[in-house]
Amino acid sequence: MFRPRAYIKSLKEMANVSILEYNIKGEIIGAVLDIDQVYIVDIVSGFEQTEDSPYWEINKIELIWPTDLKDITGREYYTDDILVDTRNNYKYKVIFMDGAFWANPLTSGFEGYETVLLSDVHALSRIISNEKCE
């Protein structure tokens, strides 16, 4: 299932997304999240918003999108994942650009080390982290 995860900015934690809310223009304005812990993180319209509040406004979270591609160990790639190419140990960050998922190099200066389509390296790479979870 093609469902994003949400990075809760104030908590620096990830949560699964149950429902996305759109405005009349088709823009995402909020999300209902699956959360277990309870921490007060904000006051919204005079009410405490807790980590287990189901609804979050889009400016309080960042959506992390699945790519539908898997690494060498079978884990699915999401945007912002950090991967290492097992052939040459180059590190990349998964990004979405121009309608496609790309592996963007984290360091420069190596010949042949450039942004490539994720589909070109996914099966020979493995996820080592997600910058949102470090």
C-alpha atoms as a PDB file:
ATOM      1  CA  MET A   1       0.000   0.000   0.000  1.00  0.00           C
ATOM      2  CA  PHE A   2       1.364   3.426  -0.991  1.00  0.00           C
ATOM      3  CA  ARG A   3       1.015   5.280   2.313  1.00  0.00           C
ATOM      4  CA  PRO A   4       3.394   7.948   3.639  1.00  0.00           C
ATOM      5  CA  ARG A   5       4.864   8.187   7.104  1.00  0.00           C
ATOM      6  CA  ALA A   6       4.888  11.465   9.018  1.00  0.00           C
ATOM      7  CA  TYR A   7       7.842  13.063  10.761  1.00  0.00           C
ATOM      8  CA  ILE A   8       6.540  15.036  13.779  1.00  0.00           C
ATOM      9  CA  LYS A   9       8.837  18.051  13.805  1.00  0.00           C
ATOM     10  CA  SER A  10       8.444  19.039  17.469  1.00  0.00           C
ATOM     11  CA  LEU A  11       9.106  15.488  18.703  1.00  0.00           C
ATOM     12  CA  LYS A  12      11.637  14.425  16.067  1.00  0.00           C
ATOM     13  CA  GLU A  13       9.754  11.130  15.716  1.00  0.00           C
ATOM     14  CA  MET A  14       8.016   9.190  12.956  1.00  0.00           C
ATOM     15  CA  ALA A  15       4.405   8.010  12.901  1.00  0.00           C
ATOM     16  CA  ASN A  16       2.271   6.099  10.408  1.00  0.00           C
ATOM     17  CA  VAL A  17      -0.348   8.071   8.482  1.00  0.00           C
ATOM     18  CA  SER A  18      -3.938   6.776   8.558  1.00  0.00           C
ATOM     19  CA  ILE A  19      -5.702   9.502   6.583  1.00  0.00           C
ATOM     20  CA  LEU A  20      -4.610  12.545   4.587  1.00  0.00           C
ATOM     21  CA  GLU A  21      -6.881  15.611   4.500  1.00  0.00           C
ATOM     22  CA  TYR A  22      -7.032  17.759   1.357  1.00  0.00           C
ATOM     23  CA  ASN A  23      -8.476  21.213   0.701  1.00  0.00           C
ATOM     24  CA  ILE A  24     -10.657  22.036  -2.297  1.00  0.00           C
ATOM     25  CA  LYS A  25      -7.525  22.783  -4.390  1.00  0.00           C
ATOM     26  CA  GLY A  26      -6.226  19.250  -3.798  1.00  0.00           C
ATOM     27  CA  GLU A  27      -3.457  20.372  -1.416  1.00  0.00           C
ATOM     28  CA  ILE A  28      -2.699  18.309   1.685  1.00  0.00           C
ATOM     29  CA  ILE A  29      -3.631  20.333   4.788  1.00  0.00           C
ATOM     30  CA  GLY A  30      -3.441  17.727   7.545  1.00  0.00           C
ATOM     31  CA  ALA A  31      -3.159  14.094   8.508  1.00  0.00           C
ATOM     32  CA  VAL A  32      -4.543  11.607  10.999  1.00  0.00           C
ATOM     33  CA  LEU A  33      -1.621   9.732  12.567  1.00  0.00           C
ATOM     34  CA  ASP A  34      -1.302   6.413  14.400  1.00  0.00           C
ATOM     35  CA  ILE A  35       0.442   7.305  17.660  1.00  0.00           C
ATOM     36  CA  ASP A  36       0.803   5.445  20.982  1.00  0.00           C
ATOM     37  CA  GLN A  37       2.673   7.765  23.386  1.00  0.00           C
ATOM     38  CA  VAL A  38       1.122  10.833  25.105  1.00  0.00           C
ATOM     39  CA  TYR A  39       3.096  14.081  25.389  1.00  0.00           C
ATOM     40  CA  ILE A  40       1.787  17.649  25.277  1.00  0.00           C
ATOM     41  CA  VAL A  41       3.477  19.263  22.326  1.00  0.00           C
ATOM     42  CA  ASP A  42       1.386  22.287  21.415  1.00  0.00           C
ATOM     43  CA  ILE A  43      -1.671  24.358  22.240  1.00  0.00           C
ATOM     44  CA  VAL A  44      -4.177  24.479  19.369  1.00  0.00           C
ATOM     45  CA  SER A  45      -7.135  26.869  19.779  1.00  0.00           C
ATOM     46  CA  GLY A  46      -6.729  26.775  23.558  1.00  0.00           C
ATOM     47  CA  PHE A  47      -6.627  22.966  23.743  1.00  0.00           C
ATOM     48  CA  GLU A  48      -3.589  20.835  24.470  1.00  0.00           C
ATOM     49  CA  GLN A  49      -2.393  18.879  21.484  1.00  0.00           C
ATOM     50  CA  THR A  50      -0.696  15.681  22.546  1.00  0.00           C
ATOM     51  CA  GLU A  51       1.488  13.259  20.666  1.00  0.00           C
ATOM     52  CA  ASP A  52      -1.460  10.881  20.538  1.00  0.00           C
ATOM     53  CA  SER A  53      -3.808  13.500  19.068  1.00  0.00           C
ATOM     54  CA  PRO A  54      -4.987  11.877  15.879  1.00  0.00           C
ATOM     55  CA  TYR A  55      -5.089  15.022  13.709  1.00  0.00           C
ATOM     56  CA  TRP A  56      -2.011  17.061  12.847  1.00  0.00           C
ATOM     57  CA  GLU A  57      -1.843  20.158  10.642  1.00  0.00           C
ATOM     58  CA  ILE A  58       0.566  19.808   7.728  1.00  0.00           C
ATOM     59  CA  ASN A  59       2.856  22.573   9.027  1.00  0.00           C
ATOM     60  CA  LYS A  60       3.536  20.488  12.179  1.00  0.00           C
ATOM     61  CA  ILE A  61       4.632  17.375  10.274  1.00  0.00           C
ATOM     62  CA  GLU A  62       6.649  16.415   7.231  1.00  0.00           C
ATOM     63  CA  LEU A  63       5.393  13.602   5.029  1.00  0.00           C
ATOM     64  CA  ILE A  64       7.932  10.904   4.136  1.00  0.00           C
ATOM     65  CA  TRP A  65       6.853   9.123   0.945  1.00  0.00           C
ATOM     66  CA  PRO A  66       7.380   5.439   0.094  1.00  0.00           C
ATOM     67  CA  THR A  67       9.065   4.657  -3.225  1.00  0.00           C
ATOM     68  CA  ASP A  68       7.705   1.134  -3.812  1.00  0.00           C
ATOM     69  CA  LEU A  69      11.333   0.039  -4.331  1.00  0.00           C
ATOM     70  CA  LYS A  70      13.277  -2.215  -1.953  1.00  0.00           C
ATOM     71  CA  ASP A  71      16.911  -2.438  -0.961  1.00  0.00           C
ATOM     72  CA  ILE A  72      19.120  -5.521  -1.086  1.00  0.00           C
ATOM     73  CA  THR A  73      17.681  -6.712   2.277  1.00  0.00           C
ATOM     74  CA  GLY A  74      14.023  -6.229   1.257  1.00  0.00           C
ATOM     75  CA  ARG A  75      13.370  -2.962   3.164  1.00  0.00           C
ATOM     76  CA  GLU A  76      11.291  -0.365   1.315  1.00  0.00           C
ATOM     77  CA  TYR A  77      12.913   2.973   0.511  1.00  0.00           C
ATOM     78  CA  TYR A  78      11.267   6.209   1.684  1.00  0.00           C
ATOM     79  CA  THR A  79      12.224   9.787   0.882  1.00  0.00           C
ATOM     80  CA  ASP A  80      15.095  10.996   3.104  1.00  0.00           C
ATOM     81  CA  ASP A  81      16.473   7.465   3.550  1.00  0.00           C
ATOM     82  CA  ILE A  82      20.251   7.272   3.434  1.00  0.00           C
ATOM     83  CA  LEU A  83      21.572   4.370   1.372  1.00  0.00           C
ATOM     84  CA  VAL A  84      24.967   2.942   0.547  1.00  0.00           C
ATOM     85  CA  ASP A  85      25.736   1.411  -2.833  1.00  0.00           C
ATOM     86  CA  THR A  86      27.275  -1.981  -1.991  1.00  0.00           C
ATOM     87  CA  ARG A  87      29.425  -1.914  -5.143  1.00  0.00           C
ATOM     88  CA  ASN A  88      31.440   1.196  -4.247  1.00  0.00           C
ATOM     89  CA  ASN A  89      30.290   2.332  -0.748  1.00  0.00           C
ATOM     90  CA  TYR A  90      28.988   5.670  -2.084  1.00  0.00           C
ATOM     91  CA  LYS A  91      26.266   7.157   0.115  1.00  0.00           C
ATOM     92  CA  TYR A  92      23.095   8.709  -1.249  1.00  0.00           C
ATOM     93  CA  LYS A  93      19.912  10.326   0.060  1.00  0.00           C
ATOM     94  CA  VAL A  94      16.547   9.358  -1.484  1.00  0.00           C
ATOM     95  CA  ILE A  95      14.757  12.418  -2.896  1.00  0.00           C
ATOM     96  CA  PHE A  96      11.681  13.041  -5.058  1.00  0.00           C
ATOM     97  CA  MET A  97      12.328  15.360  -7.994  1.00  0.00           C
ATOM     98  CA  ASP A  98      10.811  15.867 -11.445  1.00  0.00           C
ATOM     99  CA  GLY A  99       8.203  13.147 -10.899  1.00  0.00           C
ATOM    100  CA  ALA A 100      10.682  10.406  -9.936  1.00  0.00           C
ATOM    101  CA  PHE A 101      12.650   9.081  -6.961  1.00  0.00           C
ATOM    102  CA  TRP A 102      16.383   9.754  -7.143  1.00  0.00           C
ATOM    103  CA  ALA A 103      19.516   8.752  -5.232  1.00  0.00           C
ATOM    104  CA  ASN A 104      21.271  12.067  -4.533  1.00  0.00           C
ATOM    105  CA  PRO A 105      24.982  11.876  -3.553  1.00  0.00           C
ATOM    106  CA  LEU A 106      25.882  13.034  -0.045  1.00  0.00           C
ATOM    107  CA  THR A 107      29.460  13.924  -0.973  1.00  0.00           C
ATOM    108  CA  SER A 108      30.877  15.288  -4.167  1.00  0.00           C
ATOM    109  CA  GLY A 109      34.174  15.151  -5.951  1.00  0.00           C
ATOM    110  CA  PHE A 110      34.179  11.494  -6.999  1.00  0.00           C
ATOM    111  CA  GLU A 111      34.122  10.694 -10.693  1.00  0.00           C
ATOM    112  CA  GLY A 112      30.821   9.094 -11.688  1.00  0.00           C
ATOM    113  CA  TYR A 113      29.245  10.022  -8.324  1.00  0.00           C
ATOM    114  CA  GLU A 114      26.126  11.912  -9.347  1.00  0.00           C
ATOM    115  CA  THR A 115      22.369  11.929  -8.876  1.00  0.00           C
ATOM    116  CA  VAL A 116      20.917   8.759 -10.395  1.00  0.00           C
ATOM    117  CA  LEU A 117      17.459   7.260 -10.622  1.00  0.00           C
ATOM    118  CA  LEU A 118      16.763   5.216  -7.496  1.00  0.00           C
ATOM    119  CA  SER A 119      15.544   2.394  -9.727  1.00  0.00           C
ATOM    120  CA  ASP A 120      19.101   2.142 -11.151  1.00  0.00           C
ATOM    121  CA  VAL A 121      20.740   1.439  -7.761  1.00  0.00           C
ATOM    122  CA  HIS A 122      18.030   0.191  -5.383  1.00  0.00           C
ATOM    123  CA  ALA A 123      18.651  -3.556  -5.764  1.00  0.00           C
ATOM    124  CA  LEU A 124      22.401  -3.183  -5.192  1.00  0.00           C
ATOM    125  CA  SER A 125      22.136  -0.820  -2.217  1.00  0.00           C
ATOM    126  CA  ARG A 126      21.023  -1.008   1.376  1.00  0.00           C
ATOM    127  CA  ILE A 127      19.357   1.515   3.674  1.00  0.00           C
ATOM    128  CA  ILE A 128      21.625   2.622   6.512  1.00  0.00           C
ATOM    129  CA  SER A 129      19.418   5.312   8.113  1.00  0.00           C
ATOM    130  CA  ASN A 130      16.832   8.020   7.613  1.00  0.00           C
ATOM    131  CA  GLU A 131      18.021  11.553   8.301  1.00  0.00           C
ATOM    132  CA  LYS A 132      14.776  12.243  10.179  1.00  0.00           C
ATOM    133  CA  CYS A 133      15.467   9.403  12.629  1.00  0.00           C
ATOM    134  CA  GLU A 134      19.084  10.202  13.462  1.00  0.00           C
END
